[in-house]
């Protein structure tokens, strides 16, 4: 049965860390079991701590935690490691959302450089901030089945969770779902611009495009049908949608362009991870 940890320390509560924190609180994690370390907490974080009662930058030395979640900026890993290293014991699960930081990078900064440490690399995306994200995860060899289930429970509080079996596939996750929301936002921009070019007022075109994408996304979310089936259902033979899809589905249309874009993002993720 899924459960929450008896003790969780969140290191870094910026946009993504804060989104996860709010998801845990909404999902039922007891605030008394949460400690947050953030050297420059935003006013909203301070208010949230006052509202719920979790520990924010506790003055006393924390003992080792069942789960430590690293949500700092990747370039701050070395600076922050002395602060979180004492929190990690032999039975601690470390969940890292630090883009580009490998299991080896993280292991080297744990106590005694634990080569078989329980580390989960997680790549959530921006919609986690509204509880509709998706997180791609990789579990290092030291992660037990119980810890993997625990990670799934925590990450499910901000959306879906998908596991990959090889660490290098996290780069592919980054290029598809991590960067993916930006692709969708660009689609809204392009659709609105195309509407303007057909004579629609800019504000009307923008609202039509925005609501079309969000509505289609919600239909996709609620439906058990595949995207291909949904596309077919809205496409009448010889109709207006079919005419547009003839362009988008041409040999030089959307599919090869998206493949090229996702591959560029993956290559950049590989480069950033060293």
Protein backbone atom coordinates (compact mmCIF):
# COMPACT_ATOMS: atom_id res chain seq x y z
CA UNK A 1 0.00 0.00 0.00
CA UNK A 2 1.34 3.46 -0.92
CA UNK A 3 2.39 5.62 1.98
CA UNK A 4 4.09 8.90 2.74
CA UNK A 5 7.50 9.06 4.43
CA UNK A 6 7.84 9.48 8.18
CA UNK A 7 10.37 12.26 7.57
CA UNK A 8 11.04 14.30 4.44
CA UNK A 9 13.50 17.12 3.89
CA UNK A 10 13.05 19.34 0.84
CA UNK A 11 16.24 21.17 -0.14
CA UNK A 12 15.24 24.13 -2.28
CA UNK A 13 11.67 25.39 -2.59
CA UNK A 14 11.66 27.46 -5.75
CA UNK A 15 9.12 26.95 -8.52
CA UNK A 16 9.44 23.18 -8.83
CA UNK A 17 10.26 22.44 -5.20
CA UNK A 18 7.41 24.68 -4.12
CA UNK A 19 5.01 22.98 -6.53
CA UNK A 20 5.93 19.57 -5.13
CA UNK A 21 5.59 20.84 -1.56
CA UNK A 22 2.09 22.15 -2.23
CA UNK A 23 1.21 18.86 -3.91
CA UNK A 24 2.37 16.86 -0.87
CA UNK A 25 0.38 19.04 1.49
CA UNK A 26 -2.73 18.77 -0.66
CA UNK A 27 -2.17 15.02 -0.99
CA UNK A 28 -2.17 14.46 2.76
CA UNK A 29 1.48 14.39 3.83
CA UNK A 30 1.56 15.42 7.49
CA UNK A 31 3.29 18.85 7.66
CA UNK A 32 4.92 17.81 10.92
CA UNK A 33 6.93 15.28 8.91
CA UNK A 34 8.28 17.93 6.51
CA UNK A 35 11.35 20.15 6.85
CA UNK A 36 12.29 22.67 4.17
CA UNK A 37 15.77 24.11 3.72
CA UNK A 38 15.85 27.27 1.65
CA UNK A 39 18.37 30.00 2.53
CA UNK A 40 16.30 32.73 0.88
CA UNK A 41 12.67 31.70 1.29
CA UNK A 42 10.09 33.63 -0.67
CA UNK A 43 7.35 35.38 1.26
CA UNK A 44 4.88 32.84 -0.13
CA UNK A 45 6.94 29.97 1.31
CA UNK A 46 7.12 31.65 4.72
CA UNK A 47 3.36 32.15 4.64
CA UNK A 48 2.81 28.54 3.63
CA UNK A 49 4.95 27.35 6.55
CA UNK A 50 2.97 29.52 8.94
CA UNK A 51 -0.29 28.18 7.53
CA UNK A 52 0.57 24.48 7.60
CA UNK A 53 3.20 24.22 10.30
CA UNK A 54 6.06 22.47 8.50
CA UNK A 55 9.59 23.36 9.60
CA UNK A 56 11.28 26.05 7.51
CA UNK A 57 15.03 26.30 7.99
CA UNK A 58 14.86 24.66 11.43
CA UNK A 59 17.57 26.00 13.74
CA UNK A 60 18.32 22.63 15.30
CA UNK A 61 20.39 19.96 13.60
CA UNK A 62 18.15 17.56 11.71
CA UNK A 63 18.65 13.83 11.99
CA UNK A 64 18.88 11.62 8.93
CA UNK A 65 15.65 11.62 6.95
CA UNK A 66 13.72 8.86 5.26
CA UNK A 67 13.54 10.97 2.09
CA UNK A 68 15.63 13.94 0.94
CA UNK A 69 14.38 15.77 -2.14
CA UNK A 70 16.92 17.94 -3.95
CA UNK A 71 15.23 20.76 -5.84
CA UNK A 72 18.00 23.35 -5.94
CA UNK A 73 19.49 24.76 -9.12
CA UNK A 74 22.00 22.28 -10.59
CA UNK A 75 24.86 24.76 -10.38
CA UNK A 76 24.29 25.04 -6.61
CA UNK A 77 24.92 21.36 -5.93
CA UNK A 78 28.45 21.80 -4.58
CA UNK A 79 27.47 24.77 -2.44
CA UNK A 80 24.45 23.01 -0.97
CA UNK A 81 25.94 19.54 -0.45
CA UNK A 82 27.46 20.28 3.01
CA UNK A 83 23.97 21.23 4.20
CA UNK A 84 22.15 18.14 2.99
CA UNK A 85 24.91 15.53 3.37
CA UNK A 86 24.33 15.04 7.15
CA UNK A 87 20.66 14.31 6.45
CA UNK A 88 21.45 11.24 4.36
CA UNK A 89 21.90 7.89 6.04
CA UNK A 90 22.23 4.35 4.73
CA UNK A 91 18.43 4.00 4.46
CA UNK A 92 17.69 7.45 3.00
CA UNK A 93 16.03 7.80 -0.39
CA UNK A 94 17.39 10.74 -2.37
CA UNK A 95 15.12 12.16 -5.06
CA UNK A 96 16.88 14.63 -7.34
CA UNK A 97 15.17 16.95 -9.80
CA UNK A 98 18.50 18.55 -10.75
CA UNK A 99 18.66 18.58 -14.54
CA UNK A 100 21.90 17.17 -15.91
CA UNK A 101 23.22 15.86 -12.59
CA UNK A 102 23.82 12.12 -12.92
CA UNK A 103 23.65 9.40 -10.31
CA UNK A 104 27.45 9.45 -10.27
CA UNK A 105 27.47 13.23 -9.68
CA UNK A 106 25.08 12.86 -6.77
CA UNK A 107 26.75 9.77 -5.27
CA UNK A 108 30.07 11.61 -5.12
CA UNK A 109 28.50 14.21 -2.84
CA UNK A 110 26.86 11.79 -0.42
CA UNK A 111 28.43 10.58 2.82
CA UNK A 112 31.37 8.28 2.08
CA UNK A 113 30.53 8.52 -1.65
CA UNK A 114 27.89 5.82 -1.42
CA UNK A 115 28.29 3.84 -4.63
CA UNK A 116 25.07 1.93 -4.00
CA UNK A 117 23.04 4.86 -2.71
CA UNK A 118 19.27 4.96 -3.10
CA UNK A 119 18.98 7.73 -5.69
CA UNK A 120 16.06 8.53 -7.96
CA UNK A 121 16.55 11.02 -10.77
CA UNK A 122 13.27 12.73 -11.54
CA UNK A 123 12.35 15.11 -14.35
CA UNK A 124 9.02 16.84 -13.66
CA UNK A 125 7.62 19.53 -15.92
CA UNK A 126 5.99 22.93 -15.51
CA UNK A 127 2.34 21.76 -15.32
CA UNK A 128 3.30 20.21 -11.97
CA UNK A 129 2.61 23.71 -10.64
CA UNK A 130 -1.12 23.10 -11.25
CA UNK A 131 -1.08 19.40 -10.36
CA UNK A 132 -1.16 18.27 -13.98
CA UNK A 133 2.49 17.56 -14.63
CA UNK A 134 4.25 14.37 -15.58
CA UNK A 135 7.54 13.18 -14.10
CA UNK A 136 9.96 10.82 -15.79
CA UNK A 137 12.09 8.84 -13.31
CA UNK A 138 15.12 6.59 -13.17
CA UNK A 139 16.00 4.52 -10.10
CA UNK A 140 19.64 3.71 -9.34
CA UNK A 141 20.57 0.16 -8.36
CA UNK A 142 20.42 0.97 -4.64
CA UNK A 143 16.72 1.88 -4.71
CA UNK A 144 14.50 -0.81 -3.16
CA UNK A 145 11.01 -1.66 -4.38
CA UNK A 146 9.62 0.02 -1.27
CA UNK A 147 11.56 3.21 -1.98
CA UNK A 148 10.52 3.19 -5.61
CA UNK A 149 6.88 2.98 -4.50
CA UNK A 150 7.52 5.82 -2.05
CA UNK A 151 8.97 7.98 -4.82
CA UNK A 152 5.96 7.21 -7.01
CA UNK A 153 3.60 8.26 -4.21
CA UNK A 154 5.39 11.57 -3.68
CA UNK A 155 5.76 12.46 -7.34
CA UNK A 156 2.18 11.45 -8.14
CA UNK A 157 1.03 14.37 -6.02
CA UNK A 158 1.86 16.71 -8.92
CA UNK A 159 0.75 14.51 -11.84
CA UNK A 160 1.63 11.32 -13.66
CA UNK A 161 4.79 9.30 -13.13
CA UNK A 162 6.66 7.26 -15.74
CA UNK A 163 9.76 5.12 -15.05
CA UNK A 164 12.59 4.43 -17.49
CA UNK A 165 15.06 1.57 -17.12
CA UNK A 166 18.26 3.34 -18.24
CA UNK A 167 19.66 6.58 -16.88
CA UNK A 168 20.52 8.00 -20.30
CA UNK A 169 16.80 7.90 -21.18
CA UNK A 170 16.27 10.77 -18.74
CA UNK A 171 17.70 12.96 -21.53
CA UNK A 172 14.93 11.74 -23.82
CA UNK A 173 12.36 12.39 -21.07
CA UNK A 174 13.73 15.93 -20.78
CA UNK A 175 13.36 16.52 -24.51
CA UNK A 176 9.78 15.18 -24.68
CA UNK A 177 7.98 16.09 -21.46
CA UNK A 178 10.43 18.34 -19.66
CA UNK A 179 10.67 20.79 -22.55
CA UNK A 180 7.36 19.73 -24.08
CA UNK A 181 5.13 22.41 -22.50
CA UNK A 182 7.14 25.06 -24.36
CA UNK A 183 6.36 23.30 -27.64
CA UNK A 184 2.64 23.46 -26.82
CA UNK A 185 2.84 27.13 -25.86
CA UNK A 186 4.56 27.83 -29.19
CA UNK A 187 1.77 25.98 -30.98
CA UNK A 188 -0.75 28.34 -29.34
CA UNK A 189 1.31 31.33 -30.51
CA UNK A 190 1.54 29.99 -34.06
CA UNK A 191 -2.16 29.13 -34.24
CA UNK A 192 -3.09 32.60 -33.01
CA UNK A 193 -0.76 34.22 -35.55
CA UNK A 194 -2.29 32.14 -38.33
CA UNK A 195 -5.73 33.31 -37.22
CA UNK A 196 -4.60 36.93 -37.39
CA UNK A 197 -3.37 36.37 -40.93
CA UNK A 198 -6.89 35.20 -41.83
CA UNK A 199 -8.30 38.52 -40.65
CA UNK A 200 -9.22 37.81 -37.03
CA UNK A 201 -8.51 40.55 -34.46
CA UNK A 202 -5.36 39.65 -32.49
CA UNK A 203 -7.16 39.31 -29.16
CA UNK A 204 -9.87 37.11 -30.63
CA UNK A 205 -7.33 34.89 -32.39
CA UNK A 206 -5.32 34.58 -29.16
CA UNK A 207 -8.38 33.53 -27.13
CA UNK A 208 -9.54 31.07 -29.80
CA UNK A 209 -6.11 29.46 -30.00
CA UNK A 210 -5.64 29.31 -26.23
CA UNK A 211 -9.04 27.77 -25.52
CA UNK A 212 -8.71 25.35 -28.43
CA UNK A 213 -5.44 23.93 -27.10
CA UNK A 214 -6.57 23.77 -23.47
CA UNK A 215 -9.88 22.23 -24.46
CA UNK A 216 -8.25 19.64 -26.70
CA UNK A 217 -5.80 18.85 -23.90
CA UNK A 218 -8.61 18.32 -21.42
CA UNK A 219 -10.46 16.07 -23.89
CA UNK A 220 -7.27 14.06 -24.36
CA UNK A 221 -6.89 13.87 -20.57
CA UNK A 222 -10.42 12.60 -20.00
CA UNK A 223 -10.70 10.27 -22.99
CA UNK A 224 -9.49 6.68 -23.22
CA UNK A 225 -9.13 7.06 -26.98
CA UNK A 226 -5.73 7.39 -28.60
CA UNK A 227 -4.65 10.77 -30.02
CA UNK A 228 -4.84 9.26 -33.50
CA UNK A 229 -8.45 8.17 -32.94
CA UNK A 230 -9.43 11.56 -31.54
CA UNK A 231 -7.82 13.21 -34.56
CA UNK A 232 -9.72 10.94 -36.92
CA UNK A 233 -12.99 11.61 -35.10
CA UNK A 234 -12.73 15.35 -35.71
CA UNK A 235 -11.65 14.97 -39.35
CA UNK A 236 -14.39 14.71 -41.96
CA UNK A 237 -13.19 13.33 -45.31
CA UNK A 238 -12.71 16.17 -47.74
CA UNK A 239 -13.47 18.77 -45.08
CA UNK A 240 -11.62 21.75 -43.65
CA UNK A 241 -9.69 19.78 -41.02
CA UNK A 242 -8.58 17.26 -43.62
CA UNK A 243 -7.28 20.08 -45.81
CA UNK A 244 -5.17 21.43 -42.96
CA UNK A 245 -3.93 17.99 -41.96
CA UNK A 246 -2.79 17.34 -45.52
CA UNK A 247 -0.27 20.12 -44.91
CA UNK A 248 0.68 19.16 -41.36
CA UNK A 249 1.05 15.46 -42.18
CA UNK A 250 3.03 15.89 -45.39
CA UNK A 251 6.51 14.38 -45.66
CA UNK A 252 7.98 17.77 -44.73
CA UNK A 253 5.22 18.60 -42.24
CA UNK A 254 4.93 18.59 -38.46
CA UNK A 255 6.21 15.09 -37.69
CA UNK A 256 9.76 15.41 -39.07
CA UNK A 257 10.02 18.91 -37.61
CA UNK A 258 9.02 17.65 -34.15
CA UNK A 259 11.47 14.74 -34.40
CA UNK A 260 14.23 17.21 -35.25
CA UNK A 261 13.28 19.53 -32.39
CA UNK A 262 13.10 16.77 -29.77
CA UNK A 263 16.43 15.37 -30.92
CA UNK A 264 18.01 18.82 -30.62
CA UNK A 265 16.70 19.09 -27.06
CA UNK A 266 18.03 15.62 -26.20
CA UNK A 267 21.48 16.43 -27.57
CA UNK A 268 21.56 19.61 -25.54
CA UNK A 269 20.56 17.70 -22.40
CA UNK A 270 23.43 15.28 -23.02
CA UNK A 271 25.85 18.16 -23.47
CA UNK A 272 24.71 19.87 -20.28
CA UNK A 273 25.12 16.68 -18.27
CA UNK A 274 28.74 16.40 -19.39
